Amino acid sequence: MMNRLIFMLCLALTGLSQGGNYAQAQTTTSETTRAEVGRLYPADERFGIKPAFGLNQYNDDQGTRSNRASYGLETEYNLASAIGMDFNHWFLGPQSGFLYSHLGNAGSDFFGSSQNNTGSGGANMFIIPADIKVGFSPLQWIRIGAHGGGNVIYRSIASSIKLDDTDLNWRLIPNVGADVDLSISKNVALTLRPDWTLSGSQSMFSGTAALGISLG
């Protein structure tokens, strides 16, 4: 009888030991998975520098609606936690960067190349956003937001884009737009950013797609 009790006690202790090891392994695996998969979720991002590609749609010096490619970087910094907001759900902070477009002559192709010379073959444009962005993450892998403020715009040939004036190379014009941030893999997040420069009948549309890439 005593031997049977000792045997049963040994079995019980062995089961408890294995159960504890299993639970510990499960906890460790779960924590590791969260750390790896959530590394670049929009809800976890505090500061971002993202290469961007897109287009600008505007009225050229011939009054035609034109499209040109744009390239650059988008930057943003989340200050939500600094002012007492829930960092895991909210984004509130400055948004900037720069976008470059080679405009070329009126009637040029998407990259600003043309065989025709209308006097604006060397026209280029830079856009520097000066915005405040507000966003919310209903789920960890997506953030939806809006931005507004002003676009600082430089045109090497001022008349190449009609923005209700023809004589200023530098202008600060109000803008407004939207932001959608999506986690598309463990280390890559995609930001879609439509933006409107508000200049009356000569308003300009800019749309970009930017990639945030984790190096850690």
C-alpha atoms as a PDB file:
ATOM      1  CA  MET A   1       0.000   0.000   0.000  1.00  0.00           C
ATOM      2  CA  MET A   2       2.800   2.442   0.903  1.00  0.00           C
ATOM      3  CA  ASN A   3       4.646   1.681  -2.314  1.00  0.00           C
ATOM      4  CA  ARG A   4       1.487   2.449  -4.333  1.00  0.00           C
ATOM      5  CA  LEU A   5       1.054   5.833  -2.588  1.00  0.00           C
ATOM      6  CA  ILE A   6       4.683   6.763  -3.215  1.00  0.00           C
ATOM      7  CA  PHE A   7       4.308   5.780  -6.885  1.00  0.00           C
ATOM      8  CA  MET A   8       1.142   7.900  -7.320  1.00  0.00           C
ATOM      9  CA  LEU A   9       2.782  10.876  -5.586  1.00  0.00           C
ATOM     10  CA  CYS A  10       5.753  10.666  -7.961  1.00  0.00           C
ATOM     11  CA  LEU A  11       3.394  10.665 -10.968  1.00  0.00           C
ATOM     12  CA  ALA A  12       1.536  13.724  -9.663  1.00  0.00           C
ATOM     13  CA  LEU A  13       4.753  15.676  -9.075  1.00  0.00           C
ATOM     14  CA  THR A  14       6.010  14.751 -12.548  1.00  0.00           C
ATOM     15  CA  GLY A  15       2.740  15.981 -14.124  1.00  0.00           C
ATOM     16  CA  LEU A  16       2.867  19.284 -12.259  1.00  0.00           C
ATOM     17  CA  SER A  17       6.473  19.822 -13.307  1.00  0.00           C
ATOM     18  CA  GLN A  18       5.721  19.154 -16.975  1.00  0.00           C
ATOM     19  CA  GLY A  19       2.612  21.348 -16.865  1.00  0.00           C
ATOM     20  CA  GLY A  20       4.616  24.257 -15.432  1.00  0.00           C
ATOM     21  CA  ASN A  21       7.310  23.876 -18.098  1.00  0.00           C
ATOM     22  CA  TYR A  22       4.637  23.783 -20.822  1.00  0.00           C
ATOM     23  CA  ALA A  23       2.926  26.936 -19.528  1.00  0.00           C
ATOM     24  CA  GLN A  24       6.272  28.735 -19.300  1.00  0.00           C
ATOM     25  CA  ALA A  25       7.148  27.696 -22.866  1.00  0.00           C
ATOM     26  CA  GLN A  26       3.756  28.885 -24.113  1.00  0.00           C
ATOM     27  CA  THR A  27       4.171  32.261 -22.376  1.00  0.00           C
ATOM     28  CA  THR A  28       7.684  32.724 -23.774  1.00  0.00           C
ATOM     29  CA  THR A  29       6.541  31.803 -27.290  1.00  0.00           C
ATOM     30  CA  SER A  30       3.564  34.162 -27.071  1.00  0.00           C
ATOM     31  CA  GLU A  31       5.724  37.063 -25.889  1.00  0.00           C
ATOM     32  CA  THR A  32       8.321  36.407 -28.609  1.00  0.00           C
ATOM     33  CA  THR A  33       5.620  36.270 -31.279  1.00  0.00           C
ATOM     34  CA  ARG A  34       4.102  39.568 -30.147  1.00  0.00           C
ATOM     35  CA  ALA A  35       7.511  41.238 -30.098  1.00  0.00           C
ATOM     36  CA  GLU A  36       8.408  40.022 -33.595  1.00  0.00           C
ATOM     37  CA  VAL A  37       5.087  40.428 -35.382  1.00  0.00           C
ATOM     38  CA  GLY A  38       4.216  43.783 -33.797  1.00  0.00           C
ATOM     39  CA  ARG A  39       7.580  45.376 -34.428  1.00  0.00           C
ATOM     40  CA  LEU A  40       6.370  47.777 -37.113  1.00  0.00           C
ATOM     41  CA  TYR A  41       2.648  47.933 -36.518  1.00  0.00           C
ATOM     42  CA  PRO A  42       1.292  51.483 -36.997  1.00  0.00           C
ATOM     43  CA  ALA A  43       0.002  51.449 -33.413  1.00  0.00           C
ATOM     44  CA  ASP A  44       3.586  51.001 -32.163  1.00  0.00           C
ATOM     45  CA  GLU A  45       5.244  53.677 -34.279  1.00  0.00           C
ATOM     46  CA  ARG A  46       6.570  56.804 -32.582  1.00  0.00           C
ATOM     47  CA  PHE A  47       8.929  58.304 -35.200  1.00  0.00           C
ATOM     48  CA  GLY A  48       8.967  57.523 -38.923  1.00  0.00           C
ATOM     49  CA  ILE A  49      11.174  58.430 -41.884  1.00  0.00           C
ATOM     50  CA  LYS A  50       9.676  56.839 -44.993  1.00  0.00           C
ATOM     51  CA  PRO A  51      10.765  56.848 -48.652  1.00  0.00           C
ATOM     52  CA  ALA A  52       7.789  57.872 -50.790  1.00  0.00           C
ATOM     53  CA  PHE A  53       6.689  57.750 -54.432  1.00  0.00           C
ATOM     54  CA  GLY A  54       3.587  59.261 -55.979  1.00  0.00           C
ATOM     55  CA  LEU A  55       2.173  61.904 -58.295  1.00  0.00           C
ATOM     56  CA  ASN A  56       1.212  65.563 -58.434  1.00  0.00           C
ATOM     57  CA  GLN A  57      -1.802  66.671 -60.464  1.00  0.00           C
ATOM     58  CA  TYR A  58      -1.945  70.382 -61.333  1.00  0.00           C
ATOM     59  CA  ASN A  59      -2.803  72.964 -63.994  1.00  0.00           C
ATOM     60  CA  ASP A  60       0.251  73.707 -66.172  1.00  0.00           C
ATOM     61  CA  ASP A  61       1.100  76.999 -67.890  1.00  0.00           C
ATOM     62  CA  GLN A  62      -1.113  76.043 -70.842  1.00  0.00           C
ATOM     63  CA  GLY A  63      -4.131  75.535 -68.586  1.00  0.00           C
ATOM     64  CA  THR A  64      -4.029  71.744 -69.024  1.00  0.00           C
ATOM     65  CA  ARG A  65      -4.441  69.333 -66.109  1.00  0.00           C
ATOM     66  CA  SER A  66      -1.122  67.465 -65.908  1.00  0.00           C
ATOM     67  CA  ASN A  67       0.348  64.608 -63.857  1.00  0.00           C
ATOM     68  CA  ARG A  68       3.984  64.291 -62.786  1.00  0.00           C
ATOM     69  CA  ALA A  69       5.853  61.721 -60.725  1.00  0.00           C
ATOM     70  CA  SER A  70       7.076  62.707 -57.275  1.00  0.00           C
ATOM     71  CA  TYR A  71       9.807  61.260 -55.065  1.00  0.00           C
ATOM     72  CA  GLY A  72      10.975  61.990 -51.554  1.00  0.00           C
ATOM     73  CA  LEU A  73      10.706  61.259 -47.850  1.00  0.00           C
ATOM     74  CA  GLU A  74       7.839  61.573 -45.399  1.00  0.00           C
ATOM     75  CA  THR A  75       8.514  62.143 -41.696  1.00  0.00           C
ATOM     76  CA  GLU A  76       6.254  62.183 -38.654  1.00  0.00           C
ATOM     77  CA  TYR A  77       6.529  62.085 -34.871  1.00  0.00           C
ATOM     78  CA  ASN A  78       3.876  60.844 -32.467  1.00  0.00           C
ATOM     79  CA  LEU A  79       3.521  63.048 -29.369  1.00  0.00           C
ATOM     80  CA  ALA A  80       0.329  61.407 -28.082  1.00  0.00           C
ATOM     81  CA  SER A  81       1.858  59.899 -24.942  1.00  0.00           C
ATOM     82  CA  ALA A  82       3.624  63.185 -24.106  1.00  0.00           C
ATOM     83  CA  ILE A  83       0.271  64.949 -23.675  1.00  0.00           C
ATOM     84  CA  GLY A  84      -1.508  62.118 -21.870  1.00  0.00           C
ATOM     85  CA  MET A  85      -3.188  60.331 -24.790  1.00  0.00           C
ATOM     86  CA  ASP A  86      -3.124  56.543 -25.229  1.00  0.00           C
ATOM     87  CA  PHE A  87      -0.071  55.977 -27.462  1.00  0.00           C
ATOM     88  CA  ASN A  88      -1.266  52.508 -28.527  1.00  0.00           C
ATOM     89  CA  HIS A  89      -4.436  53.918 -30.104  1.00  0.00           C
ATOM     90  CA  TRP A  90      -3.826  57.590 -30.950  1.00  0.00           C
ATOM     91  CA  PHE A  91      -1.410  59.535 -33.136  1.00  0.00           C
ATOM     92  CA  LEU A  92      -1.017  63.292 -32.665  1.00  0.00           C
ATOM     93  CA  GLY A  93       2.033  65.132 -33.886  1.00  0.00           C
ATOM     94  CA  PRO A  94       3.891  66.989 -36.642  1.00  0.00           C
ATOM     95  CA  GLN A  95       4.212  65.661 -40.184  1.00  0.00           C
ATOM     96  CA  SER A  96       6.709  66.928 -42.750  1.00  0.00           C
ATOM     97  CA  GLY A  97       9.323  65.725 -45.262  1.00  0.00           C
ATOM     98  CA  PHE A  98       9.875  66.715 -48.884  1.00  0.00           C
ATOM     99  CA  LEU A  99       8.706  65.698 -52.350  1.00  0.00           C
ATOM    100  CA  TYR A 100      10.439  66.476 -55.655  1.00  0.00           C
ATOM    101  CA  SER A 101       8.912  66.547 -59.143  1.00  0.00           C
ATOM    102  CA  HIS A 102      10.538  67.290 -62.490  1.00  0.00           C
ATOM    103  CA  LEU A 103       7.802  69.147 -64.358  1.00  0.00           C
ATOM    104  CA  GLY A 104       9.406  69.947 -67.698  1.00  0.00           C
ATOM    105  CA  ASN A 105       7.411  71.536 -70.476  1.00  0.00           C
ATOM    106  CA  ALA A 106       3.632  71.596 -70.641  1.00  0.00           C
ATOM    107  CA  GLY A 107       2.489  68.390 -72.313  1.00  0.00           C
ATOM    108  CA  SER A 108       5.448  66.358 -71.038  1.00  0.00           C
ATOM    109  CA  ASP A 109       5.067  62.736 -69.970  1.00  0.00           C
ATOM    110  CA  PHE A 110       4.689  61.434 -66.403  1.00  0.00           C
ATOM    111  CA  PHE A 111       8.406  61.941 -65.726  1.00  0.00           C
ATOM    112  CA  GLY A 112       8.622  65.412 -67.289  1.00  0.00           C
ATOM    113  CA  SER A 113      10.191  64.401 -70.613  1.00  0.00           C
ATOM    114  CA  SER A 114       9.062  65.947 -73.895  1.00  0.00           C
ATOM    115  CA  GLN A 115      10.273  66.657 -77.432  1.00  0.00           C
ATOM    116  CA  ASN A 116       8.421  69.971 -77.444  1.00  0.00           C
ATOM    117  CA  ASN A 117       9.872  73.168 -75.975  1.00  0.00           C
ATOM    118  CA  THR A 118       7.397  75.568 -74.450  1.00  0.00           C
ATOM    119  CA  GLY A 119      10.040  77.405 -72.432  1.00  0.00           C
ATOM    120  CA  SER A 120       9.641  75.398 -69.217  1.00  0.00           C
ATOM    121  CA  GLY A 121      11.872  72.417 -69.934  1.00  0.00           C
ATOM    122  CA  GLY A 122      13.898  72.969 -66.756  1.00  0.00           C
ATOM    123  CA  ALA A 123      10.921  73.402 -64.429  1.00  0.00           C
ATOM    124  CA  ASN A 124      11.104  71.539 -61.112  1.00  0.00           C
ATOM    125  CA  MET A 125       9.028  71.608 -57.945  1.00  0.00           C
ATOM    126  CA  PHE A 126       9.633  70.861 -54.264  1.00  0.00           C
ATOM    127  CA  ILE A 127       6.847  70.409 -51.711  1.00  0.00           C
ATOM    128  CA  ILE A 128       7.593  70.583 -47.974  1.00  0.00           C
ATOM    129  CA  PRO A 129       4.539  69.742 -45.822  1.00  0.00           C
ATOM    130  CA  ALA A 130       4.119  71.620 -42.551  1.00  0.00           C
ATOM    131  CA  ASP A 131       1.219  69.688 -41.053  1.00  0.00           C
ATOM    132  CA  ILE A 132      -0.337  68.324 -37.889  1.00  0.00           C
ATOM    133  CA  LYS A 133      -1.537  64.722 -38.149  1.00  0.00           C
ATOM    134  CA  VAL A 134      -4.257  63.120 -36.016  1.00  0.00           C
ATOM    135  CA  GLY A 135      -4.859  59.371 -36.287  1.00  0.00           C
ATOM    136  CA  PHE A 136      -6.544  56.488 -34.501  1.00  0.00           C
ATOM    137  CA  SER A 137      -5.787  52.751 -34.548  1.00  0.00           C
ATOM    138  CA  PRO A 138      -8.983  50.684 -34.211  1.00  0.00           C
ATOM    139  CA  LEU A 139      -6.766  47.610 -34.663  1.00  0.00           C
ATOM    140  CA  GLN A 140      -3.027  47.210 -34.141  1.00  0.00           C
ATOM    141  CA  TRP A 141      -2.291  46.724 -37.860  1.00  0.00           C
ATOM    142  CA  ILE A 142      -4.126  49.806 -39.179  1.00  0.00           C
ATOM    143  CA  ARG A 143      -4.244  53.517 -38.386  1.00  0.00           C
ATOM    144  CA  ILE A 144      -6.653  55.984 -40.022  1.00  0.00           C
ATOM    145  CA  GLY A 145      -6.049  59.703 -39.791  1.00  0.00           C
ATOM    146  CA  ALA A 146      -6.144  63.180 -41.274  1.00  0.00           C
ATOM    147  CA  HIS A 147      -3.649  65.998 -41.618  1.00  0.00           C
ATOM    148  CA  GLY A 148      -3.774  69.708 -42.277  1.00  0.00           C
ATOM    149  CA  GLY A 149      -1.683  72.855 -42.225  1.00  0.00           C
ATOM    150  CA  GLY A 150       0.280  74.188 -45.160  1.00  0.00           C
ATOM    151  CA  ASN A 151       2.486  73.092 -48.055  1.00  0.00           C
ATOM    152  CA  VAL A 152       5.641  75.089 -48.667  1.00  0.00           C
ATOM    153  CA  ILE A 153       6.000  74.968 -52.460  1.00  0.00           C
ATOM    154  CA  TYR A 154       9.045  75.930 -54.530  1.00  0.00           C
ATOM    155  CA  ARG A 155       8.817  76.218 -58.337  1.00  0.00           C
ATOM    156  CA  SER A 156      12.051  76.833 -60.239  1.00  0.00           C
ATOM    157  CA  ILE A 157       9.931  78.429 -62.991  1.00  0.00           C
ATOM    158  CA  ALA A 158       7.013  80.040 -61.199  1.00  0.00           C
ATOM    159  CA  SER A 159       4.686  80.070 -64.219  1.00  0.00           C
ATOM    160  CA  SER A 160       5.052  76.311 -64.822  1.00  0.00           C
ATOM    161  CA  ILE A 161       2.206  75.605 -62.347  1.00  0.00           C
ATOM    162  CA  LYS A 162      -0.838  77.800 -61.994  1.00  0.00           C
ATOM    163  CA  LEU A 163      -1.498  78.404 -58.295  1.00  0.00           C
ATOM    164  CA  ASP A 164      -3.526  81.619 -58.637  1.00  0.00           C
ATOM    165  CA  ASP A 165      -0.272  83.530 -59.177  1.00  0.00           C
ATOM    166  CA  THR A 166       2.566  83.531 -61.717  1.00  0.00           C
ATOM    167  CA  ASP A 167       5.378  85.467 -60.042  1.00  0.00           C
ATOM    168  CA  LEU A 168       6.342  83.759 -56.760  1.00  0.00           C
ATOM    169  CA  ASN A 169       8.849  80.893 -56.684  1.00  0.00           C
ATOM    170  CA  TRP A 170       8.121  80.178 -53.012  1.00  0.00           C
ATOM    171  CA  ARG A 171       4.624  79.927 -51.579  1.00  0.00           C
ATOM    172  CA  LEU A 172       2.973  78.618 -48.415  1.00  0.00           C
ATOM    173  CA  ILE A 173      -0.510  77.376 -49.311  1.00  0.00           C
ATOM    174  CA  PRO A 174      -3.056  75.710 -46.976  1.00  0.00           C
ATOM    175  CA  ASN A 175      -3.518  71.978 -47.413  1.00  0.00           C
ATOM    176  CA  VAL A 176      -5.631  69.136 -46.084  1.00  0.00           C
ATOM    177  CA  GLY A 177      -5.550  65.378 -46.566  1.00  0.00           C
ATOM    178  CA  ALA A 178      -5.899  61.861 -45.199  1.00  0.00           C
ATOM    179  CA  ASP A 179      -3.541  59.152 -43.953  1.00  0.00           C
ATOM    180  CA  VAL A 180      -3.951  55.372 -43.935  1.00  0.00           C
ATOM    181  CA  ASP A 181      -1.169  53.313 -42.328  1.00  0.00           C
ATOM    182  CA  LEU A 182      -1.167  49.545 -42.879  1.00  0.00           C
ATOM    183  CA  SER A 183       1.123  46.784 -41.642  1.00  0.00           C
ATOM    184  CA  ILE A 184       1.815  44.580 -44.683  1.00  0.00           C
ATOM    185  CA  SER A 185       4.488  42.285 -43.206  1.00  0.00           C
ATOM    186  CA  LYS A 186       6.510  41.796 -40.030  1.00  0.00           C
ATOM    187  CA  ASN A 187       9.026  44.509 -40.930  1.00  0.00           C
ATOM    188  CA  VAL A 188       7.190  46.726 -43.445  1.00  0.00           C
ATOM    189  CA  ALA A 189       4.358  49.247 -43.049  1.00  0.00           C
ATOM    190  CA  LEU A 190       2.662  51.094 -45.926  1.00  0.00           C
ATOM    191  CA  THR A 191       1.332  54.668 -45.691  1.00  0.00           C
ATOM    192  CA  LEU A 192      -1.160  56.016 -48.254  1.00  0.00           C
ATOM    193  CA  ARG A 193      -1.389  59.829 -48.214  1.00  0.00           C
ATOM    194  CA  PRO A 194      -3.778  61.791 -50.482  1.00  0.00           C
ATOM    195  CA  ASP A 195      -3.322  65.552 -50.118  1.00  0.00           C
ATOM    196  CA  TRP A 196      -4.949  68.676 -51.567  1.00  0.00           C
ATOM    197  CA  THR A 197      -3.158  72.044 -51.818  1.00  0.00           C
ATOM    198  CA  LEU A 198      -6.018  74.528 -51.549  1.00  0.00           C
ATOM    199  CA  SER A 199      -5.505  77.299 -54.097  1.00  0.00           C
ATOM    200  CA  GLY A 200      -9.005  78.073 -55.327  1.00  0.00           C
ATOM    201  CA  SER A 201      -9.665  77.001 -58.909  1.00  0.00           C
ATOM    202  CA  GLN A 202      -5.961  76.113 -59.270  1.00  0.00           C
ATOM    203  CA  SER A 203      -5.816  73.570 -56.421  1.00  0.00           C
ATOM    204  CA  MET A 204      -3.222  70.780 -56.703  1.00  0.00           C
ATOM    205  CA  PHE A 205      -3.605  67.118 -55.737  1.00  0.00           C
ATOM    206  CA  SER A 206      -0.708  65.031 -54.446  1.00  0.00           C
ATOM    207  CA  GLY A 207      -0.898  61.313 -53.704  1.00  0.00           C
ATOM    208  CA  THR A 208       1.920  59.222 -52.286  1.00  0.00           C
ATOM    209  CA  ALA A 209       2.657  55.714 -51.064  1.00  0.00           C
ATOM    210  CA  ALA A 210       5.450  55.470 -48.485  1.00  0.00           C
ATOM    211  CA  LEU A 211       7.200  52.503 -46.891  1.00  0.00           C
ATOM    212  CA  GLY A 212       8.310  52.312 -43.300  1.00  0.00           C
ATOM    213  CA  ILE A 213      10.994  49.624 -42.930  1.00  0.00           C
ATOM    214  CA  SER A 214      12.196  48.139 -39.645  1.00  0.00           C
ATOM    215  CA  LEU A 215      15.971  47.674 -39.434  1.00  0.00           C
ATOM    216  CA  GLY A 216      15.949  46.171 -35.950  1.00  0.00           C
END
